[in-house]
Amino acid sequence: MKKEKSMSKHKDILDNFSDKFPILNRLYDLYTQTNEFAEKDEDTLRKSSEITILEILELVVIASRQRKEEKIQTLRQAHRKLDILKVFSEMAKEIQAVTEKNYEEITENMESVGRMIGGWLKAVTTPKTTEA
């Protein structure tokens, strides 16, 4: 009973956190989509993509807890990781490790994550104006 209550509490925390940061849902979608890369010779590419997505997710969670100055650097790092993921997905497409449909879904999710990170960066780097 106590274990079930503890697991429920952790799920509630996760749900609340992903509600506050929808980017986490997109990253989860990307993670599951890259898992669909063909599993023959491209195992390294699939695993590298999964690790990169997890690193982006980690950076997003870290940024959510940082002060403004630190947050900017962390979000830029997440954006760079996303660029790496774009290269990986393009490679997967070129070697036909992913279907065209799956590639389009992955690309759409990456663009969405990029917009979210970019918007967040803009929000923390744009000086607030004070009304006179």
Protein backbone atom coordinates (compact mmCIF):
# COMPACT_ATOMS: atom_id res chain seq x y z
CA MET A 1 0.00 0.00 0.00
CA LYS A 2 2.76 2.42 0.97
CA LYS A 3 4.73 1.60 -2.20
CA GLU A 4 1.66 2.27 -4.38
CA LYS A 5 1.13 5.61 -2.66
CA SER A 6 4.77 6.56 -3.23
CA MET A 7 4.61 5.59 -6.92
CA SER A 8 1.41 7.57 -7.31
CA LYS A 9 3.06 10.61 -5.75
CA HIS A 10 5.99 10.38 -8.18
CA LYS A 11 3.61 10.11 -11.15
CA ASP A 12 1.69 13.16 -9.92
CA ILE A 13 4.93 15.13 -9.68
CA LEU A 14 5.89 14.07 -13.20
CA ASP A 15 2.46 14.92 -14.58
CA ASN A 16 2.50 18.34 -12.93
CA PHE A 17 6.00 19.03 -14.19
CA SER A 18 5.18 18.06 -17.78
CA ASP A 19 2.01 20.16 -17.62
CA LYS A 20 4.14 23.14 -16.68
CA PHE A 21 6.79 22.30 -19.30
CA PRO A 22 5.12 20.83 -22.42
CA ILE A 23 8.55 20.52 -24.00
CA LEU A 24 9.01 17.39 -21.89
CA ASN A 25 6.09 15.73 -23.67
CA ARG A 26 7.64 16.54 -27.06
CA LEU A 27 10.99 15.16 -25.95
CA TYR A 28 9.30 11.98 -24.78
CA ASP A 29 7.62 11.69 -28.19
CA LEU A 30 11.00 12.12 -29.88
CA TYR A 31 12.50 9.46 -27.65
CA THR A 32 9.85 6.91 -28.56
CA GLN A 33 10.08 7.80 -32.25
CA THR A 34 13.84 7.31 -32.43
CA ASN A 35 13.35 3.93 -30.84
CA GLU A 36 11.72 2.97 -34.13
CA PHE A 37 14.99 3.36 -36.08
CA ALA A 38 15.85 0.08 -37.79
CA GLU A 39 17.75 -2.16 -35.45
CA LYS A 40 20.23 -3.72 -37.87
CA ASP A 41 23.51 -1.87 -38.44
CA GLU A 42 22.11 1.44 -37.23
CA ASP A 43 21.98 0.44 -33.56
CA THR A 44 24.67 3.00 -32.71
CA LEU A 45 22.77 5.79 -34.45
CA ARG A 46 19.56 4.89 -32.63
CA LYS A 47 21.25 4.71 -29.26
CA SER A 48 23.14 7.97 -29.88
CA SER A 49 19.85 9.66 -30.78
CA GLU A 50 18.16 8.33 -27.66
CA ILE A 51 21.04 9.51 -25.47
CA THR A 52 21.00 12.95 -27.10
CA ILE A 53 17.26 13.28 -26.45
CA LEU A 54 17.77 12.29 -22.82
CA GLU A 55 20.55 14.88 -22.54
CA ILE A 56 18.21 17.56 -23.94
CA LEU A 57 15.54 16.50 -21.47
CA GLU A 58 18.06 16.70 -18.64
CA LEU A 59 19.12 20.19 -19.71
CA VAL A 60 15.50 21.35 -19.85
CA VAL A 61 14.86 20.09 -16.33
CA ILE A 62 18.06 21.73 -15.09
CA ALA A 63 17.16 25.02 -16.81
CA SER A 64 13.76 25.00 -15.16
CA ARG A 65 15.47 25.21 -11.78
CA GLN A 66 18.19 27.74 -12.59
CA ARG A 67 18.61 31.46 -12.23
CA LYS A 68 18.33 33.54 -15.38
CA GLU A 69 22.08 33.83 -16.03
CA GLU A 70 22.67 30.08 -15.77
CA LYS A 71 19.47 29.26 -17.64
CA ILE A 72 20.66 31.04 -20.79
CA GLN A 73 23.78 28.87 -21.08
CA THR A 74 21.87 25.67 -20.34
CA LEU A 75 19.19 26.44 -22.94
CA ARG A 76 21.86 27.23 -25.55
CA GLN A 77 23.46 23.89 -24.79
CA ALA A 78 20.08 22.16 -25.21
CA HIS A 79 19.67 23.92 -28.55
CA ARG A 80 23.10 22.67 -29.69
CA LYS A 81 22.15 19.14 -28.68
CA LEU A 82 18.98 19.49 -30.73
CA ASP A 83 21.11 20.45 -33.75
CA ILE A 84 23.10 17.23 -33.25
CA LEU A 85 19.86 15.27 -33.11
CA LYS A 86 18.80 16.84 -36.41
CA VAL A 87 21.99 15.54 -38.01
CA PHE A 88 21.35 12.06 -36.58
CA SER A 89 17.79 11.98 -37.92
CA GLU A 90 18.96 13.15 -41.34
CA MET A 91 21.54 10.35 -41.32
CA ALA A 92 18.85 7.84 -40.37
CA LYS A 93 16.76 9.02 -43.30
CA GLU A 94 19.68 8.80 -45.73
CA ILE A 95 20.54 5.23 -44.77
CA GLN A 96 16.85 4.33 -44.69
CA ALA A 97 16.90 3.41 -41.01
CA VAL A 98 13.62 5.27 -40.60
CA THR A 99 10.49 5.41 -42.71
CA GLU A 100 9.57 8.64 -44.49
CA LYS A 101 6.48 8.98 -42.29
CA ASN A 102 8.49 8.48 -39.08
CA TYR A 103 11.13 10.92 -40.30
CA GLU A 104 8.46 13.57 -40.90
CA GLU A 105 7.04 13.02 -37.39
CA ILE A 106 10.50 13.24 -35.85
CA THR A 107 11.26 16.41 -37.81
CA GLU A 108 7.98 17.97 -36.73
CA ASN A 109 8.69 17.20 -33.08
CA MET A 110 12.25 18.52 -33.34
CA GLU A 111 10.97 21.76 -34.87
CA SER A 112 8.44 22.07 -32.06
CA VAL A 113 11.10 21.48 -29.40
CA GLY A 114 13.37 24.00 -31.15
CA ARG A 115 10.61 26.63 -31.11
CA MET A 116 9.97 25.97 -27.43
CA ILE A 117 13.64 26.26 -26.50
CA GLY A 118 14.00 29.33 -28.73
CA GLY A 119 10.96 30.99 -27.17
CA TRP A 120 12.23 30.22 -23.69
CA LEU A 121 15.64 31.65 -24.58
CA LYS A 122 14.03 34.78 -25.99
CA ALA A 123 11.94 35.18 -22.84
CA VAL A 124 14.98 35.04 -20.57
CA THR A 125 17.27 37.17 -22.75
CA THR A 126 14.84 39.93 -23.67
CA PRO A 127 15.10 42.79 -21.20
CA LYS A 128 11.88 43.58 -19.43
CA THR A 129 10.59 47.04 -20.18
CA THR A 130 9.18 49.15 -17.43
CA GLU A 131 6.27 51.42 -18.10
CA ALA A 132 6.73 55.04 -17.15
